[in-house]
Amino acid sequence: MIVIRSFWLRSDRWGGRCDVTRRVYACHAYRSNCGAVAMVMGDLVREVDVAVVGGGPGGYTAAFRCAELGLETVVVDADKRLGGVCLYDGCIPSKALLHVAAVLDEVERAKEFGVEFGRPKIALDALAKWKAERVVGRLSRGLAAVAKTKGVEVIGGRAVFEDSRGLRVEGEEPQKIRFAHAIIATGSLPSPLPGMALESPRIMDSTAALELPDVPERLLVIGGGYVGLE
């Protein structure tokens, strides 16, 4: 069984005090007791105070806070980009498209107070480029800059816990990481419908809906949650 400790230390362990200095000291004390670490099967073995698995909003926010507290922190994410599904396949792209829809709605409503425009035309290629470069790309670059400023390293790969104090990274940057504390923020994925494969171009999940090659005349949305409503 793997037990993941919180990155906050109990204050009673230090006589009622739990400031940044003592948290950092505790992690350094843990690391000093580990002894020399040998290279194993060519993998890089390193020690950190906090290992964060997942680079989405929960993961990078926790990583930035740990770094602010003086803890050596790394983030492991298969994409090697901070932001997660929210930035690349969910919240942000959908809000960008909703903004365009709101602009079109304002154009239509302008007739009520005497302003008329020609029939709007949607160039989906240009819209997709704007969404990817000017919206998602800008935020992605901003997060990377913040991580660099705070000294948070982002490692690309899939994290596999080997025990309660270590994990290995599988992928393009294989290595082993020993940590004092770990934060798991792996997020979620769309849940497929049982017995229904998404092989038809007429059936799509929420991610594919953000990359439609054309605007369908009719659309059936199954699910009335916030994803379906957007």
Foldseek 3Di string as FASTA:
>chain_A
DADFDDLADDCVVVVNHGALVVSQVVFVVVVVVVPDDDDDPNFAEEEWAEEEEAQAPVRLVVQLVCLVSVTAYEYEYQVLFHHPCCLPQHVFLVVLVVVVVVVQVVQVCVVVVPDHDPDDDDDLVVSVCCSVCVTSVVVRVVSVVSCVVSNYHYHHAHWDDPHNFKIWGDDPRTHIYGYNGYHYDHDDDDDDDPPDDPPDPLDDDLRVVSRDPDDDPDHDFDDDDPSSVD
